[in-house]
Amino acid sequence: MIFEVDNKKVFASDAGQDIDKNKATIVLLHGSGLSHIVWSLTEQYLSNQNYNVVAIDLPGHGNSEGNCLKSIEEI
């Protein structure tokens, strides 16, 4: 899925599932220099355990636009 934050496109993987408002949602964030792909197996496992799972590409990483954030505080 793609959404916008501060006029920049942000990519988030949803494990190939639509968000179900009746399920709890888990948001996964990657580390510096990585992307949502590091969570692929975890996404599938949690999705199979009946959770909504969203793995977000932070700015400048993976499929998200923007410059990389330079500190934990900016993230």
C-alpha atoms as a PDB file:
ATOM      1  CA  MET A   1       0.000   0.000   0.000  1.00  0.00           C
ATOM      2  CA  ILE A   2       1.123   3.573  -0.621  1.00  0.00           C
ATOM      3  CA  PHE A   3       0.071   6.630   1.360  1.00  0.00           C
ATOM      4  CA  GLU A   4       1.396  10.180   1.680  1.00  0.00           C
ATOM      5  CA  VAL A   5       3.125  11.935   4.559  1.00  0.00           C
ATOM      6  CA  ASP A   6       4.345  15.532   4.074  1.00  0.00           C
ATOM      7  CA  ASN A   7       3.722  15.204   0.300  1.00  0.00           C
ATOM      8  CA  LYS A   8       6.038  12.179   0.045  1.00  0.00           C
ATOM      9  CA  LYS A   9       4.960   8.676  -0.934  1.00  0.00           C
ATOM     10  CA  VAL A  10       5.384   6.096   1.829  1.00  0.00           C
ATOM     11  CA  PHE A  11       5.284   2.384   1.089  1.00  0.00           C
ATOM     12  CA  ALA A  12       3.948  -0.160   3.556  1.00  0.00           C
ATOM     13  CA  SER A  13       3.655  -3.888   3.017  1.00  0.00           C
ATOM     14  CA  ASP A  14       0.491  -5.479   4.368  1.00  0.00           C
ATOM     15  CA  ALA A  15       1.526  -9.125   3.847  1.00  0.00           C
ATOM     16  CA  GLY A  16      -0.797  -9.243   0.849  1.00  0.00           C
ATOM     17  CA  GLN A  17      -3.853  -8.884   3.080  1.00  0.00           C
ATOM     18  CA  ASP A  18      -6.342  -6.065   3.372  1.00  0.00           C
ATOM     19  CA  ILE A  19      -6.648  -4.425   6.784  1.00  0.00           C
ATOM     20  CA  ASP A  20      -9.457  -6.009   8.794  1.00  0.00           C
ATOM     21  CA  LYS A  21     -10.828  -3.598  11.416  1.00  0.00           C
ATOM     22  CA  ASN A  22     -11.803  -6.562  13.596  1.00  0.00           C
ATOM     23  CA  LYS A  23      -8.187  -7.713  14.034  1.00  0.00           C
ATOM     24  CA  ALA A  24      -5.351  -6.268  16.113  1.00  0.00           C
ATOM     25  CA  THR A  25      -2.669  -4.538  14.048  1.00  0.00           C
ATOM     26  CA  ILE A  26       1.099  -4.892  14.399  1.00  0.00           C
ATOM     27  CA  VAL A  27       3.375  -2.260  12.823  1.00  0.00           C
ATOM     28  CA  LEU A  28       6.930  -3.338  11.973  1.00  0.00           C
ATOM     29  CA  LEU A  29       9.763  -0.812  11.523  1.00  0.00           C
ATOM     30  CA  HIS A  30      13.135  -1.659  10.016  1.00  0.00           C
ATOM     31  CA  GLY A  31      16.561  -0.361  10.994  1.00  0.00           C
ATOM     32  CA  SER A  32      18.845   2.066   9.181  1.00  0.00           C
ATOM     33  CA  GLY A  33      19.779   1.106   5.634  1.00  0.00           C
ATOM     34  CA  LEU A  34      17.151  -1.639   5.431  1.00  0.00           C
ATOM     35  CA  SER A  35      13.564  -1.927   4.154  1.00  0.00           C
ATOM     36  CA  HIS A  36      10.293  -3.718   4.866  1.00  0.00           C
ATOM     37  CA  ILE A  37      11.772  -6.847   3.285  1.00  0.00           C
ATOM     38  CA  VAL A  38      13.621  -7.735   6.517  1.00  0.00           C
ATOM     39  CA  TRP A  39      10.183  -8.478   7.990  1.00  0.00           C
ATOM     40  CA  SER A  40       8.894 -10.751   5.183  1.00  0.00           C
ATOM     41  CA  LEU A  41       8.862 -14.021   7.149  1.00  0.00           C
ATOM     42  CA  THR A  42       7.650 -12.301  10.316  1.00  0.00           C
ATOM     43  CA  GLU A  43       4.847 -10.635   8.340  1.00  0.00           C
ATOM     44  CA  GLN A  44       3.660 -13.951   6.971  1.00  0.00           C
ATOM     45  CA  TYR A  45       3.814 -15.647  10.361  1.00  0.00           C
ATOM     46  CA  LEU A  46       1.892 -12.889  12.169  1.00  0.00           C
ATOM     47  CA  SER A  47      -0.637 -12.625   9.351  1.00  0.00           C
ATOM     48  CA  ASN A  48      -1.263 -16.377   9.663  1.00  0.00           C
ATOM     49  CA  GLN A  49      -1.784 -15.839  13.416  1.00  0.00           C
ATOM     50  CA  ASN A  50      -4.775 -13.592  12.583  1.00  0.00           C
ATOM     51  CA  TYR A  51      -3.145 -10.144  12.936  1.00  0.00           C
ATOM     52  CA  ASN A  52      -3.096  -7.230  10.550  1.00  0.00           C
ATOM     53  CA  VAL A  53       0.575  -6.611   9.793  1.00  0.00           C
ATOM     54  CA  VAL A  54       2.032  -3.432   8.308  1.00  0.00           C
ATOM     55  CA  ALA A  55       5.765  -3.137   7.573  1.00  0.00           C
ATOM     56  CA  ILE A  56       6.632   0.455   6.678  1.00  0.00           C
ATOM     57  CA  ASP A  57       9.558   1.652   4.561  1.00  0.00           C
ATOM     58  CA  LEU A  58      10.965   4.697   6.350  1.00  0.00           C
ATOM     59  CA  PRO A  59      11.835   7.813   4.274  1.00  0.00           C
ATOM     60  CA  GLY A  60      14.616   7.198   1.765  1.00  0.00           C
ATOM     61  CA  HIS A  61      14.457   3.426   2.285  1.00  0.00           C
ATOM     62  CA  GLY A  62      12.940   0.678   0.147  1.00  0.00           C
ATOM     63  CA  ASN A  63      10.029   2.040  -1.875  1.00  0.00           C
ATOM     64  CA  SER A  64       9.450   5.250   0.121  1.00  0.00           C
ATOM     65  CA  GLU A  65      10.346   8.706  -1.127  1.00  0.00           C
ATOM     66  CA  GLY A  66      12.332  11.316   0.747  1.00  0.00           C
ATOM     67  CA  ASN A  67      15.701  11.687   2.362  1.00  0.00           C
ATOM     68  CA  CYS A  68      16.932   9.241   4.964  1.00  0.00           C
ATOM     69  CA  LEU A  69      16.343  10.496   8.474  1.00  0.00           C
ATOM     70  CA  LYS A  70      19.599  11.161  10.300  1.00  0.00           C
ATOM     71  CA  SER A  71      18.718  10.358  13.885  1.00  0.00           C
ATOM     72  CA  ILE A  72      16.459   8.234  16.046  1.00  0.00           C
ATOM     73  CA  GLU A  73      14.662  11.421  17.114  1.00  0.00           C
ATOM     74  CA  GLU A  74      13.805  12.277  13.472  1.00  0.00           C
ATOM     75  CA  ILE A  75      12.484   8.779  12.838  1.00  0.00           C
END
